[in-house]
Amino acid sequence: MHIDLPEKRYYKIGEVAKAFDVNNSLIRFWEKEFDILKPKKNKKGNRLFTAIDLQNLKLIYHLVKEKGYTLDGAKKKMKQNPNGVVNNHEIILHLEKIKQELTNIKNQLS
């Protein structure tokens, strides 16, 4: 999954939810369920997500939405082999970017 967000230090929950095409409530729910999600909160209590939080959300989204894991299953998978899950997900993302670039080149040549 590729999310289209500009490079920033912090992202608001609405921006993150829109990028993942989910509701704000799902992001808040995942924050409660997964210990790796720790967005900062400003004085008003608004969540501010960092790039690391986005990477963790990508991983959770991949396991739950794309692979079909239950929340408990995703938690277990992340605890059993955290580096392996992250590395596999990074490889998949990298290959998707390469595929998109090749598709763009093919379309330009046609």
Protein backbone atom coordinates (compact mmCIF):
# COMPACT_ATOMS: atom_id res chain seq x y z
CA MET A 1 0.00 0.00 0.00
CA HIS A 2 1.28 3.42 -0.92
CA ILE A 3 0.05 6.41 1.03
CA ASP A 4 0.28 9.84 -0.50
CA LEU A 5 1.22 12.32 2.22
CA PRO A 6 3.66 15.23 2.01
CA GLU A 7 6.87 15.09 4.04
CA LYS A 8 6.04 16.63 7.40
CA ARG A 9 7.10 16.16 10.99
CA TYR A 10 3.57 15.54 12.27
CA TYR A 11 0.31 14.46 10.64
CA LYS A 12 -3.18 15.01 12.02
CA ILE A 13 -5.47 12.03 12.48
CA GLY A 14 -7.75 13.21 9.67
CA GLU A 15 -4.84 13.28 7.21
CA VAL A 16 -3.75 9.81 8.27
CA ALA A 17 -7.25 8.35 8.08
CA LYS A 18 -7.80 9.84 4.63
CA ALA A 19 -4.45 8.49 3.39
CA PHE A 20 -5.37 4.97 4.57
CA ASP A 21 -8.98 5.38 3.42
CA VAL A 22 -10.36 4.47 6.85
CA ASN A 23 -12.35 6.30 9.53
CA ASN A 24 -10.68 8.32 12.27
CA SER A 25 -12.28 5.98 14.78
CA LEU A 26 -10.42 2.99 13.33
CA ILE A 27 -7.08 4.78 13.78
CA ARG A 28 -8.01 5.59 17.39
CA PHE A 29 -9.09 1.97 17.93
CA TRP A 30 -5.81 0.62 16.55
CA GLU A 31 -3.96 3.04 18.82
CA LYS A 32 -5.66 1.42 21.82
CA GLU A 33 -5.09 -2.12 20.56
CA PHE A 34 -1.46 -1.92 19.38
CA ASP A 35 1.28 -0.82 21.76
CA ILE A 36 3.58 0.28 18.93
CA LEU A 37 1.28 3.19 18.06
CA LYS A 38 2.17 6.13 20.27
CA PRO A 39 1.09 9.38 18.61
CA LYS A 40 1.96 12.57 20.42
CA LYS A 41 -0.89 14.68 21.72
CA ASN A 42 -0.97 18.47 21.84
CA LYS A 43 -2.50 20.52 24.66
CA LYS A 44 -5.98 20.07 23.17
CA GLY A 45 -5.51 16.30 23.05
CA ASN A 46 -5.30 16.12 19.26
CA ARG A 47 -3.21 13.21 18.00
CA LEU A 48 -0.09 14.03 16.01
CA PHE A 49 1.41 11.12 14.12
CA THR A 50 5.09 10.91 13.15
CA ALA A 51 6.65 9.11 10.19
CA ILE A 52 7.42 6.16 12.49
CA ASP A 53 3.76 6.01 13.50
CA LEU A 54 2.83 5.94 9.80
CA GLN A 55 5.20 3.02 9.20
CA ASN A 56 3.61 1.15 12.10
CA LEU A 57 0.14 1.94 10.76
CA LYS A 58 1.17 0.63 7.33
CA LEU A 59 2.27 -2.60 8.95
CA ILE A 60 -0.96 -2.95 10.93
CA TYR A 61 -3.03 -2.09 7.85
CA HIS A 62 -1.11 -4.66 5.81
CA LEU A 63 -1.63 -7.44 8.34
CA VAL A 64 -5.26 -6.69 9.20
CA LYS A 65 -6.77 -5.34 5.99
CA GLU A 66 -4.63 -6.89 3.24
CA LYS A 67 -3.61 -10.22 4.79
CA GLY A 68 -6.84 -10.73 6.75
CA TYR A 69 -5.32 -11.27 10.19
CA THR A 70 -7.48 -10.78 13.24
CA LEU A 71 -6.26 -8.16 15.70
CA ASP A 72 -4.97 -10.87 18.02
CA GLY A 73 -3.33 -12.66 15.12
CA ALA A 74 -1.63 -9.46 13.96
CA LYS A 75 -0.38 -8.78 17.50
CA LYS A 76 1.04 -12.30 17.77
CA LYS A 77 2.68 -12.07 14.35
CA MET A 78 4.32 -8.78 15.27
CA LYS A 79 5.56 -10.14 18.61
CA GLN A 80 6.84 -13.45 17.23
CA ASN A 81 9.01 -11.97 14.52
CA PRO A 82 8.90 -8.16 14.57
CA ASN A 83 11.91 -7.68 12.30
CA GLY A 84 10.78 -10.30 9.82
CA VAL A 85 7.31 -8.83 9.49
CA VAL A 86 8.70 -5.33 9.02
CA ASN A 87 11.35 -6.46 6.54
CA ASN A 88 8.84 -8.44 4.46
CA HIS A 89 6.47 -5.49 4.44
CA GLU A 90 9.26 -3.10 3.41
CA ILE A 91 10.24 -5.44 0.57
CA ILE A 92 6.64 -5.59 -0.63
CA LEU A 93 6.36 -1.78 -0.55
CA HIS A 94 9.63 -1.42 -2.46
CA LEU A 95 8.51 -3.90 -5.10
CA GLU A 96 5.18 -2.09 -5.47
CA LYS A 97 7.05 1.17 -6.10
CA ILE A 98 9.20 -0.53 -8.75
CA LYS A 99 6.10 -2.01 -10.38
CA GLN A 100 4.44 1.43 -10.47
CA GLU A 101 7.54 3.00 -12.05
CA LEU A 102 7.70 0.25 -14.68
CA THR A 103 4.00 0.69 -15.43
CA ASN A 104 4.54 4.43 -15.88
CA ILE A 105 7.45 3.79 -18.25
CA LYS A 106 5.37 1.28 -20.22
CA ASN A 107 2.51 3.79 -20.54
CA GLN A 108 4.89 6.49 -21.74
CA LEU A 109 6.31 4.18 -24.42
CA SER A 110 2.88 3.16 -25.71
